[in-house]
Protein backbone atom coordinates (compact mmCIF):
# COMPACT_ATOMS: atom_id res chain seq x y z
CA MET A 1 -28.96 -2.65 1.27
CA ASP A 2 -26.28 -0.20 2.68
CA ILE A 3 -23.56 1.25 0.78
CA SER A 4 -20.98 -1.15 1.86
CA GLU A 5 -22.96 -4.03 0.87
CA TYR A 6 -23.59 -2.27 -2.37
CA ILE A 7 -19.87 -1.91 -3.03
CA LEU A 8 -19.15 -5.45 -2.44
CA ASP A 9 -21.95 -6.52 -4.72
CA HIS A 10 -20.35 -4.39 -7.64
CA ILE A 11 -16.60 -5.13 -7.37
CA GLU A 12 -14.47 -8.24 -8.36
CA PRO A 13 -15.98 -11.22 -6.07
CA GLU A 14 -13.79 -12.26 -3.02
CA GLY A 15 -13.53 -15.84 -4.19
CA GLU A 16 -14.41 -19.03 -2.13
CA TYR A 17 -11.04 -19.71 -1.10
CA LEU A 18 -10.49 -16.09 0.51
CA TYR A 19 -13.96 -16.33 1.62
CA ARG A 20 -13.11 -19.49 3.55
CA LEU A 21 -9.95 -18.04 4.90
CA TYR A 22 -11.74 -14.89 6.29
CA ARG A 23 -14.30 -17.06 7.88
CA ALA A 24 -11.86 -19.37 9.52
CA THR A 25 -9.70 -16.28 10.59
CA ASN A 26 -12.85 -15.01 12.49
CA ILE A 27 -13.57 -18.23 14.08
CA HIS A 28 -10.08 -19.31 15.13
CA THR A 29 -8.09 -16.39 15.75
CA ILE A 30 -8.69 -13.71 18.76
CA HIS A 31 -8.49 -10.79 16.34
CA GLY A 32 -10.18 -11.81 13.12
CA ARG A 33 -11.08 -8.36 11.93
CA MET A 34 -7.47 -7.63 11.49
CA ALA A 35 -7.72 -9.56 8.25
CA SER A 36 -8.01 -7.47 5.22
CA GLY A 37 -11.23 -8.72 3.99
CA HIS A 38 -13.11 -8.49 0.54
CA LEU A 39 -12.84 -4.76 -0.33
CA GLN A 40 -9.27 -4.11 0.94
CA GLY A 41 -8.16 -7.47 -0.63
CA ARG A 42 -9.41 -6.53 -4.05
CA LEU A 43 -7.91 -3.07 -3.64
CA LEU A 44 -4.50 -4.34 -2.66
CA LYS A 45 -4.54 -6.77 -5.68
CA MET A 46 -5.67 -3.75 -8.07
CA LEU A 47 -2.63 -1.64 -6.80
CA VAL A 48 -0.33 -4.51 -7.50
CA ARG A 49 -1.76 -4.87 -10.99
CA MET A 50 -1.37 -1.17 -11.58
CA ALA A 51 2.31 -0.73 -10.06
CA ARG A 52 3.45 -3.98 -11.64
CA PRO A 53 6.02 -4.65 -8.76
CA LYS A 54 8.52 -7.71 -9.01
CA ASN A 55 9.29 -7.87 -5.22
CA ILE A 56 6.71 -6.98 -2.43
CA LEU A 57 7.61 -6.80 1.21
CA GLU A 58 4.67 -7.45 3.77
CA VAL A 59 5.20 -6.64 7.41
CA GLY A 60 2.58 -8.47 9.34
CA THR A 61 1.27 -11.63 7.68
CA PHE A 62 -1.54 -12.54 10.28
CA SER A 63 -3.57 -15.22 8.67
CA GLY A 64 -2.12 -14.63 5.22
CA TYR A 65 -5.22 -13.02 3.49
CA SER A 66 -3.59 -9.97 2.48
CA ALA A 67 -0.41 -11.79 1.19
CA ILE A 68 -2.55 -13.98 -0.90
CA CYS A 69 -4.45 -10.75 -2.39
CA LEU A 70 -0.94 -9.17 -3.23
CA ALA A 71 0.34 -12.25 -4.71
CA GLU A 72 -2.85 -12.71 -7.04
CA GLY A 73 -1.83 -9.13 -8.64
CA LEU A 74 1.68 -10.26 -9.44
CA GLU A 75 2.96 -11.08 -12.87
CA GLU A 76 5.00 -14.21 -13.59
CA GLY A 77 8.18 -14.15 -11.67
CA GLY A 78 6.97 -11.94 -8.84
CA LYS A 79 7.08 -12.67 -5.22
CA VAL A 80 5.89 -11.59 -1.91
CA TYR A 81 8.03 -11.89 1.05
CA THR A 82 5.89 -11.70 3.98
CA PHE A 83 6.76 -11.48 7.90
CA GLU A 84 4.89 -12.57 10.94
CA ILE A 85 6.59 -11.84 14.26
CA ASN A 86 3.94 -13.78 16.17
CA ASP A 87 5.14 -17.55 15.92
CA GLU A 88 1.89 -18.64 17.30
CA MET A 89 0.10 -17.79 13.99
CA GLU A 90 2.36 -20.05 12.01
CA ASP A 91 0.46 -23.30 12.35
CA PHE A 92 -2.75 -21.56 11.31
CA THR A 93 -1.21 -19.38 8.43
CA ARG A 94 1.34 -21.41 6.74
CA PRO A 95 -1.21 -24.11 5.47
CA TRP A 96 -3.78 -21.44 3.98
CA ILE A 97 -0.75 -19.81 2.06
CA GLU A 98 0.81 -22.84 0.73
CA ASN A 99 -2.60 -24.60 -0.43
CA SER A 100 -3.54 -21.27 -2.05
CA SER A 101 -3.43 -20.99 -5.84
CA VAL A 102 -0.44 -18.44 -5.57
CA GLY A 103 1.41 -20.21 -2.86
CA ASP A 104 4.53 -20.48 -4.82
CA LYS A 105 4.53 -16.70 -5.24
CA ILE A 106 4.59 -16.14 -1.32
CA ASP A 107 7.67 -16.61 0.82
CA PHE A 108 6.40 -16.62 4.36
CA ARG A 109 8.65 -16.19 7.16
CA ILE A 110 8.42 -15.78 11.21
CA GLY A 111 10.43 -13.17 12.71
CA ASP A 112 10.88 -9.54 13.11
CA ALA A 113 10.70 -7.91 9.67
CA ASN A 114 12.67 -4.78 10.91
CA VAL A 115 15.50 -6.86 11.66
CA LEU A 116 15.29 -9.76 8.92
CA ALA A 117 13.93 -7.90 5.76
CA PRO A 118 17.18 -5.89 5.08
CA GLN A 119 19.14 -9.21 5.47
CA LEU A 120 17.44 -10.38 2.43
CA GLY A 121 19.68 -8.30 -0.13
CA ILE A 122 16.64 -7.51 -2.18
CA THR A 123 15.34 -4.11 -3.40
CA PHE A 124 11.62 -3.99 -3.30
CA ASP A 125 9.13 -2.25 -5.50
CA MET A 126 6.28 -2.33 -2.99
CA ALA A 127 5.62 -2.83 0.74
CA PHE A 128 2.58 -3.30 2.60
CA ILE A 129 3.04 -2.39 6.54
CA ASP A 130 0.51 -3.86 8.70
CA GLY A 131 2.49 -4.89 11.75
CA ASP A 132 2.80 -3.49 15.27
CA LYS A 133 1.58 -0.08 15.26
CA ARG A 134 3.95 1.10 18.05
CA THR A 135 6.93 0.45 15.80
CA TYR A 136 5.21 1.86 12.57
CA LEU A 137 7.85 4.72 12.02
CA ASP A 138 10.49 2.44 12.61
CA THR A 139 9.18 0.07 10.12
CA PHE A 140 8.62 2.72 7.53
CA ASN A 141 12.16 3.95 7.84
CA MET A 142 13.52 0.32 7.46
CA VAL A 143 11.45 0.03 4.38
CA MET A 144 12.44 3.29 2.73
CA GLN A 145 16.04 1.81 2.83
CA ILE A 146 15.28 -1.11 0.70
CA LEU A 147 12.57 0.40 -1.47
CA ARG A 148 13.47 1.52 -4.91
CA PRO A 149 12.94 5.19 -6.00
CA GLY A 150 9.56 5.21 -7.40
CA GLY A 151 8.33 2.41 -5.27
CA PHE A 152 5.14 2.24 -3.18
CA ILE A 153 4.51 1.57 0.53
CA ILE A 154 0.79 0.73 1.49
CA ALA A 155 0.35 1.29 5.36
CA ASP A 156 -2.84 0.02 7.00
CA ASN A 157 -4.86 1.19 10.02
CA THR A 158 -3.61 4.71 9.76
CA LEU A 159 -6.83 6.35 10.89
CA TRP A 160 -6.84 3.76 13.80
CA ASP A 161 -10.68 3.65 14.32
CA GLY A 162 -10.63 7.34 14.58
CA HIS A 163 -8.54 7.30 17.65
CA VAL A 164 -5.97 9.39 16.07
CA THR A 165 -8.14 12.58 16.52
CA ASP A 166 -9.55 11.57 19.97
CA PRO A 167 -7.59 13.17 22.93
CA SER A 168 -8.85 10.37 25.25
CA TYR A 169 -6.48 7.93 23.59
CA SER A 170 -3.39 10.13 24.19
CA HIS A 171 -1.89 7.63 26.43
CA ASP A 172 -2.44 4.45 24.38
CA HIS A 173 0.72 3.23 22.86
CA GLN A 174 -0.53 2.02 19.48
CA THR A 175 -2.53 5.20 18.94
CA GLN A 176 0.49 7.23 19.74
CA GLY A 177 2.63 5.01 17.28
CA ILE A 178 0.05 5.64 14.54
CA ARG A 179 0.07 9.41 15.32
CA ALA A 180 3.80 9.73 15.21
CA PHE A 181 3.79 7.89 11.72
CA ASN A 182 1.27 10.00 10.29
CA ASP A 183 2.94 13.08 11.59
CA ALA A 184 6.43 12.07 10.47
CA LEU A 185 5.14 11.30 7.00
CA ALA A 186 3.27 14.75 6.58
CA LYS A 187 6.67 16.45 7.02
CA ASP A 188 8.75 13.88 5.08
CA GLN A 189 10.08 15.50 1.68
CA ARG A 190 11.06 12.05 0.29
CA ILE A 191 7.73 10.99 -0.36
CA GLU A 192 4.32 11.74 -1.78
CA GLN A 193 1.19 10.34 0.16
CA VAL A 194 -2.42 10.00 0.42
CA ILE A 195 -4.69 8.69 3.29
CA LEU A 196 -7.94 6.93 2.12
CA PRO A 197 -10.68 6.41 4.68
CA LEU A 198 -11.07 2.87 3.94
CA ARG A 199 -12.08 0.69 6.69
CA ASP A 200 -9.40 1.74 9.38
CA GLY A 201 -7.52 4.04 7.14
CA LEU A 202 -5.09 3.11 4.25
CA THR A 203 -2.12 5.27 3.40
CA ILE A 204 -0.68 4.98 -0.04
CA ILE A 205 3.06 6.43 -0.34
CA ARG A 206 5.29 6.90 -3.06
CA LYS A 207 8.98 7.06 -2.79
CA LYS A 208 10.21 10.00 -4.91
CA HIS A 209 13.37 9.79 -7.19
CA PRO A 210 16.44 11.26 -5.82
């Protein structure tokens, strides 16, 4: 047994519904590995339990796995507002979200979160950024405008399979987007942040009080 299997055997179980969703995502979508999966999903739920947000913004729904995990951690009255820009995912994702045990806690919308999220008129307590890597910095700046002081941002894929340190990926637009995001955050005095080497890299950010 390798260390990753050991970890999965010693954390909260994934649950039958999420297991089926993850499997269906890998069978029926081109980029199945983009789904959060067991370990990251349990971490997202735990972070929500710890931070106790009322309103969560998710940028990049994909198959709905992470939205369900975030919603599982919410207290009564909490809501996840999740945006997916690829309308071709709707027919797959919407039934999985709506038929989940936390479907009533998830508001799933198709469209560009960078444009539509500020129009909701909601101040968010937490955000999960997992959308287009080329516009990560734009998304971060948008989220900062509608996130309360003391609120948290979780950003996925911030080590980008190690490409952020590989010079041979200098001309790849997605790698460039992640590097620009990481570099900007390292200089941003409005936040505190830490990068976890979990899966593809997960950055946890706290917006400081003014």
